[in-house]
Protein backbone atom coordinates (compact mmCIF):
# COMPACT_ATOMS: atom_id res chain seq x y z
CA MET A 1 91.44 91.19 122.12
CA ALA A 2 93.21 87.76 122.93
CA ARG A 3 94.05 87.48 126.82
CA LEU A 4 97.11 85.55 128.17
CA LYS A 5 97.31 83.92 131.70
CA VAL A 6 100.46 84.92 133.44
CA ARG A 7 102.33 84.76 137.02
CA VAL A 8 104.52 87.26 138.55
CA ALA A 9 107.78 85.35 138.95
CA GLN A 10 109.74 88.07 140.64
CA ARG A 11 109.14 91.57 142.10
CA SER A 12 112.14 94.19 142.35
CA ALA A 13 112.88 97.50 143.55
CA GLU A 14 113.77 99.49 140.76
CA GLY A 15 114.70 103.16 141.91
CA ALA A 16 112.73 105.41 143.81
CA SER A 17 108.81 104.76 143.23
CA ASN A 18 109.67 102.17 140.77
CA VAL A 19 108.59 98.10 141.04
CA GLY A 20 110.33 95.81 138.24
CA ILE A 21 107.56 92.68 137.25
CA ARG A 22 108.74 89.79 135.74
CA LEU A 23 105.60 87.80 134.04
CA GLU A 24 106.35 84.03 133.16
CA ALA A 25 103.89 81.76 131.47
CA LEU A 26 101.06 80.73 134.25
CA GLU A 27 102.48 76.90 133.33
CA PRO A 28 105.49 75.90 134.36
CA GLY A 29 108.11 75.68 131.31
CA GLY A 30 105.18 77.67 128.96
CA SER A 31 106.15 79.92 126.55
CA LEU A 32 105.18 83.77 126.00
CA PRO A 33 104.38 85.16 122.46
CA PRO A 34 107.64 86.73 120.61
CA PHE A 35 107.94 90.61 120.57
CA ASP A 36 109.52 93.24 118.64
CA ALA A 37 111.49 95.91 120.43
CA GLY A 38 109.30 98.76 121.67
CA ALA A 39 106.17 96.63 122.22
CA HIS A 40 103.99 97.00 125.11
CA VAL A 41 101.52 94.53 126.90
CA ASP A 42 97.76 95.57 128.45
CA VAL A 43 97.49 94.51 131.89
CA PHE A 44 93.99 93.63 133.46
CA LEU A 45 93.74 94.63 137.11
CA PRO A 46 90.96 93.74 139.20
CA GLY A 47 87.92 96.40 139.33
CA GLY A 48 87.66 96.49 135.50
CA ILE A 49 91.03 98.66 135.54
CA VAL A 50 93.36 98.29 132.37
CA ARG A 51 96.97 99.91 132.00
CA GLN A 52 99.60 99.81 129.38
CA TYR A 53 103.32 98.76 130.25
CA SER A 54 106.19 98.64 127.92
CA ILE A 55 107.97 95.47 127.68
CA ALA A 56 111.69 96.38 129.03
CA ASN A 57 113.43 93.28 128.29
CA ALA A 58 115.23 92.60 125.08
CA PRO A 59 112.75 90.52 122.35
CA HIS A 60 115.91 87.92 122.16
CA ASP A 61 115.79 87.50 126.15
CA THR A 62 112.79 84.93 125.62
CA GLY A 63 110.40 83.25 128.57
CA HIS A 64 109.26 86.45 130.21
CA TYR A 65 108.12 89.97 129.99
CA LEU A 66 109.97 92.57 132.28
CA LEU A 67 107.98 95.52 132.78
CA CYS A 68 108.63 98.39 135.46
CA VAL A 69 105.99 100.41 136.83
CA LYS A 70 105.98 103.96 138.63
CA LEU A 71 103.96 104.82 141.34
CA GLN A 72 101.82 107.70 139.89
CA ALA A 73 101.11 110.58 142.69
CA GLN A 74 97.69 110.61 141.06
CA SER A 75 97.39 107.28 140.58
CA ARG A 76 93.85 106.29 139.21
CA GLY A 77 94.02 102.91 140.78
CA GLY A 78 96.66 101.10 138.55
CA SER A 79 99.89 101.60 139.74
CA ARG A 80 98.84 102.12 143.29
CA PHE A 81 97.76 98.50 143.17
CA ILE A 82 100.63 96.98 141.68
CA HIS A 83 102.91 98.41 144.11
CA GLU A 84 101.21 98.01 147.16
CA HIS A 85 98.97 94.47 146.34
CA LEU A 86 100.50 92.60 143.37
CA ALA A 87 102.68 90.33 144.98
CA ALA A 88 105.20 87.61 143.45
CA GLY A 89 103.24 84.43 142.67
CA ALA A 90 100.16 86.68 141.73
CA GLU A 91 97.96 85.59 138.98
CA LEU A 92 97.45 88.12 136.14
CA GLU A 93 95.70 88.50 132.55
CA ILE A 94 97.56 90.54 130.23
CA SER A 95 97.17 91.37 126.14
CA THR A 96 99.41 89.90 123.55
CA PRO A 97 102.29 92.38 122.68
CA ARG A 98 101.24 94.67 120.08
CA ASN A 99 103.78 97.60 119.15
CA LEU A 100 103.11 101.20 118.00
CA PHE A 101 106.97 102.33 118.75
CA ALA A 102 109.02 100.04 116.68
CA LEU A 103 112.23 100.57 115.45
CA ARG A 104 113.12 101.47 111.69
CA PRO A 105 115.60 100.66 109.57
CA ALA A 106 118.64 103.41 110.53
CA GLU A 107 122.45 103.69 110.38
CA HIS A 108 122.21 104.89 113.53
CA SER A 109 119.51 105.41 116.21
CA VAL A 110 119.12 108.05 119.19
CA LEU A 111 116.97 106.61 122.04
CA ILE A 112 116.40 109.43 124.86
CA GLY A 113 114.43 108.86 127.88
CA ALA A 114 113.42 110.26 131.13
CA GLY A 115 111.96 108.94 133.83
CA ILE A 116 109.67 105.19 133.42
CA GLY A 117 110.23 106.51 129.71
CA ILE A 118 113.42 104.30 129.63
CA THR A 119 111.61 100.91 129.15
CA PRO A 120 110.59 100.71 126.10
CA LEU A 121 113.89 102.30 124.94
CA LEU A 122 116.11 99.66 126.80
CA SER A 123 114.52 96.77 125.19
CA MET A 124 115.34 98.94 121.72
CA ALA A 125 118.87 99.13 123.13
CA ALA A 126 119.20 95.63 123.58
CA HIS A 127 118.11 94.58 120.19
CA LEU A 128 120.52 96.92 118.90
CA ALA A 129 123.11 95.94 120.58
CA GLN A 130 122.28 92.08 120.15
CA GLU A 131 122.31 92.81 116.48
CA GLN A 132 125.62 94.56 116.28
CA GLN A 133 123.92 98.26 115.24
CA SER A 134 125.02 101.84 116.18
CA PHE A 135 122.89 103.40 118.61
CA SER A 136 123.16 106.05 121.73
CA LEU A 137 120.95 106.06 124.65
CA HIS A 138 120.33 109.16 127.04
CA TYR A 139 118.51 108.68 130.21
CA TYR A 140 117.50 111.87 132.26
CA THR A 141 116.16 111.43 135.80
CA ARG A 142 116.18 113.65 139.03
CA SER A 143 118.95 111.78 140.79
CA ALA A 144 121.14 108.68 140.66
CA GLU A 145 118.42 107.33 142.95
CA ASP A 146 115.60 107.63 140.38
CA VAL A 147 117.39 105.70 137.95
CA ALA A 148 115.04 102.52 137.02
CA LEU A 149 116.46 99.12 135.82
CA ARG A 150 120.02 99.95 136.56
CA GLY A 151 121.42 96.62 136.51
CA HIS A 152 119.86 96.50 132.85
CA LEU A 153 121.66 99.55 131.92
CA GLY A 154 124.84 98.24 133.13
CA ARG A 155 125.49 96.11 130.62
CA PHE A 156 126.07 98.50 127.90
CA SER A 157 128.86 100.42 127.51
CA SER A 158 129.58 103.97 128.75
CA ALA A 159 129.66 105.05 125.02
CA GLN A 160 126.57 103.63 123.92
CA VAL A 161 124.44 104.65 127.26
CA GLN A 162 125.23 107.88 128.91
CA LEU A 163 122.91 108.74 132.66
CA HIS A 164 122.04 112.82 133.06
CA HIS A 165 120.85 113.64 136.44
CA SER A 166 118.97 117.38 137.11
CA ASN A 167 120.77 117.56 140.58
CA LEU A 168 124.16 117.21 138.72
CA GLY A 169 123.63 120.03 136.46
CA ARG A 170 122.61 117.93 133.29
CA SER A 171 118.59 118.42 133.07
CA PRO A 172 116.65 118.34 129.80
CA ARG A 173 116.67 121.92 129.98
CA THR A 174 120.46 122.51 130.28
CA TYR A 175 121.80 119.52 128.65
CA VAL A 176 121.34 118.50 124.87
CA PRO A 177 123.12 115.47 123.47
CA ALA A 178 125.67 116.79 120.73
CA GLU A 179 123.99 113.97 118.30
CA LEU A 180 120.82 116.43 117.91
CA HIS A 181 122.39 119.01 116.32
CA PRO A 182 123.16 118.69 113.10
CA PRO A 183 121.08 115.44 112.29
CA GLN A 184 123.15 112.88 110.67
CA PRO A 185 121.73 111.17 107.32
CA GLY A 186 120.07 107.89 108.08
CA THR A 187 119.39 108.41 111.94
CA HIS A 188 116.60 108.30 113.98
CA LEU A 189 115.17 109.80 117.00
CA TYR A 190 113.36 108.25 119.56
CA LEU A 191 111.68 109.95 122.56
CA CYS A 192 109.65 108.61 125.56
CA GLY A 193 109.00 110.25 128.79
CA PRO A 194 106.60 112.72 130.24
CA LEU A 195 104.77 114.67 127.30
CA PRO A 196 106.42 118.13 128.33
CA PHE A 197 109.91 116.38 127.88
CA MET A 198 108.86 114.70 124.75
CA ALA A 199 107.36 117.95 123.33
CA GLN A 200 110.85 119.96 123.95
CA PHE A 201 113.19 117.51 122.39
CA ARG A 202 111.10 117.47 119.53
CA GLN A 203 110.68 120.60 118.86
CA ARG A 204 114.59 121.15 118.97
CA ALA A 205 114.91 118.36 116.99
CA LEU A 206 112.50 119.88 114.33
CA GLN A 207 114.69 123.48 114.56
CA GLY A 208 117.87 121.73 114.22
CA GLY A 209 117.14 120.23 111.13
CA TRP A 210 115.44 116.83 111.58
CA PRO A 211 112.87 115.49 109.30
CA ASP A 212 109.41 114.62 110.97
CA GLU A 213 109.79 111.72 109.75
CA HIS A 214 112.72 110.49 111.60
CA ILE A 215 111.22 111.60 114.90
CA HIS A 216 109.62 108.98 116.81
CA THR A 217 107.44 109.18 120.03
CA GLU A 218 105.25 107.32 122.56
CA ALA A 219 103.16 108.54 125.19
CA PHE A 220 102.19 107.20 128.45
CA SER A 221 99.54 109.72 129.12
CA ALA A 222 96.58 111.29 127.05
CA SER A 223 98.28 114.68 125.58
CA ASP A 224 96.83 117.99 127.62
CA THR A 225 97.43 119.51 124.56
CA ALA A 226 95.28 117.97 122.15
CA PRO A 227 92.94 119.55 120.48
CA PRO A 228 89.39 119.99 122.71
CA ALA A 229 86.69 117.43 121.39
CA GLU A 230 84.30 119.76 119.29
CA PRO A 231 81.11 119.71 121.23
CA GLY A 232 78.73 119.20 118.60
CA SER A 233 77.44 115.85 117.29
CA PHE A 234 77.87 114.42 113.92
CA GLU A 235 77.11 110.86 111.99
CA VAL A 236 79.61 107.94 111.42
CA GLN A 237 78.56 105.41 108.69
CA LEU A 238 80.01 102.08 108.49
CA ASN A 239 81.39 101.67 105.13
CA SER A 240 80.55 97.53 105.01
CA THR A 241 76.86 98.43 105.26
CA GLY A 242 76.03 101.96 104.93
CA THR A 243 74.46 102.14 108.37
CA VAL A 244 74.32 105.66 109.99
CA TYR A 245 74.76 106.33 113.53
CA PRO A 246 74.53 109.91 115.24
CA VAL A 247 77.61 110.66 117.70
CA PRO A 248 75.78 113.01 120.16
CA ALA A 249 78.05 115.74 122.14
CA GLY A 250 79.30 114.09 125.30
CA GLU A 251 79.86 110.17 123.63
CA THR A 252 82.56 108.99 122.05
CA ILE A 253 82.17 107.33 118.70
CA ALA A 254 83.28 103.90 120.60
CA GLN A 255 80.54 104.46 122.81
CA VAL A 256 77.72 104.98 120.23
CA LEU A 257 79.26 101.95 118.10
CA GLN A 258 79.52 99.47 120.84
CA ALA A 259 76.03 100.40 121.87
CA ALA A 260 74.59 99.71 118.54
CA GLY A 261 76.33 96.20 118.67
CA VAL A 262 79.00 97.16 116.71
CA ALA A 263 82.51 95.41 117.62
CA VAL A 264 84.84 97.87 118.71
CA SER A 265 88.37 97.07 120.19
CA LEU A 266 89.09 99.24 123.41
CA SER A 267 91.94 99.12 125.72
CA CYS A 268 93.16 102.25 127.28
CA GLU A 269 90.10 104.88 126.51
CA GLN A 270 92.35 107.84 126.32
CA GLY A 271 93.98 107.82 123.04
CA ILE A 272 97.12 106.49 124.03
CA CYS A 273 97.54 102.60 123.36
CA GLY A 274 96.33 102.66 119.60
CA ALA A 275 93.81 99.51 120.03
CA CYS A 276 90.84 101.48 118.56
CA LEU A 277 92.71 102.70 115.54
CA THR A 278 90.39 102.74 112.60
CA GLY A 279 90.48 103.60 108.93
CA VAL A 280 88.76 106.56 107.82
CA VAL A 281 87.25 106.47 104.10
CA ALA A 282 85.70 109.73 103.66
CA GLY A 283 85.25 112.84 106.28
CA GLU A 284 87.53 115.14 108.39
CA PRO A 285 88.46 113.74 111.72
CA LEU A 286 89.36 115.96 114.74
CA HIS A 287 92.16 114.06 116.41
CA CYS A 288 92.33 114.28 120.00
CA ASP A 289 94.84 111.17 120.64
CA ALA A 290 98.68 110.73 121.54
CA VAL A 291 99.23 107.74 119.34
CA LEU A 292 98.99 109.50 115.64
CA SER A 293 102.22 111.70 115.05
CA GLU A 294 101.46 114.86 113.03
CA ALA A 295 102.27 113.45 109.60
CA GLU A 296 99.92 110.62 110.44
CA GLN A 297 97.36 112.58 111.51
CA ALA A 298 97.61 115.07 108.66
CA LEU A 299 96.72 111.96 106.21
CA ASN A 300 93.12 111.50 107.86
CA ASN A 301 93.17 107.75 106.80
CA GLN A 302 92.68 106.74 110.43
CA MET A 303 91.46 107.57 113.51
CA ALA A 304 91.27 106.58 117.29
CA LEU A 305 87.58 105.97 118.02
CA CYS A 306 88.07 106.26 121.89
CA CYS A 307 88.39 110.09 121.95
CA SER A 308 88.79 111.72 118.60
CA ARG A 309 85.42 113.60 116.91
CA SER A 310 84.28 115.24 113.30
CA ARG A 311 85.23 118.30 111.71
CA SER A 312 82.83 117.13 108.85
CA PRO A 313 79.26 116.06 109.37
CA ARG A 314 79.74 112.96 108.67
CA LEU A 315 82.66 110.21 108.96
CA VAL A 316 82.69 107.11 106.72
CA LEU A 317 84.51 104.45 108.54
CA ASP A 318 86.33 101.25 107.50
CA LEU A 319 83.81 99.16 109.58
């Protein structure tokens, strides 16, 4: 995976427990690769920690990447390091941007986010506004003090962006945007935030008649509702060479292949970033990721090697 060297050009407080990080090229006047709205980058931190953060600025706002990081109460080291130790002027390595949450052509786009899930949706809103395309953004937080990137949100009209605060009676449980019912032809829905929040709105949309293929989500953590990995062993075969590798209980496909010298692209190792998605030629995967939609999982033509396993005795991988 290609890495870029960048500099923290600026830090900013962005609502309760959030910090904005503006990344620029290490060399003055240098450029960063372009990206599409909804993209994210891997951030490589000390101690071998790798975290994925969405790019919040507009694709046409070139020359930097704006990230926004929430301090997680149960931080495993990533968000805490960024909040407590990553100062302006520090140098970092990041991946090139990749996108598993891209905008689809639509007559209207409904963007609904909660908490730090606003980051990719903000980039989408900025792109849609720049292109003069129809959209609406709904942002849920506990209170006004929890709003992240308020200055950027203020660039949109009240007809385009609406803020909903639980302490003022507009929680995700009590207020649902009217645009969800009934769905309008040519409209796509984008959800980003905590897993229960996305599951709730996805279920409401499906019950209201939304086509599954018009609902798009992005997770920031591994799904706690994903099916448990079956404990038994199975085999994987490489389609290019025919070589077969046993995958014992307690080891992932990625671990087995890497130990055998087979190149596997890894990043989060939790099934949320998509770096290790690999084609499946034969066999039935047991999907345990939070990247592929239910419809994509049902096709059984790709899988996340870092977490998913097999329902069949052998999987043939497109490697």
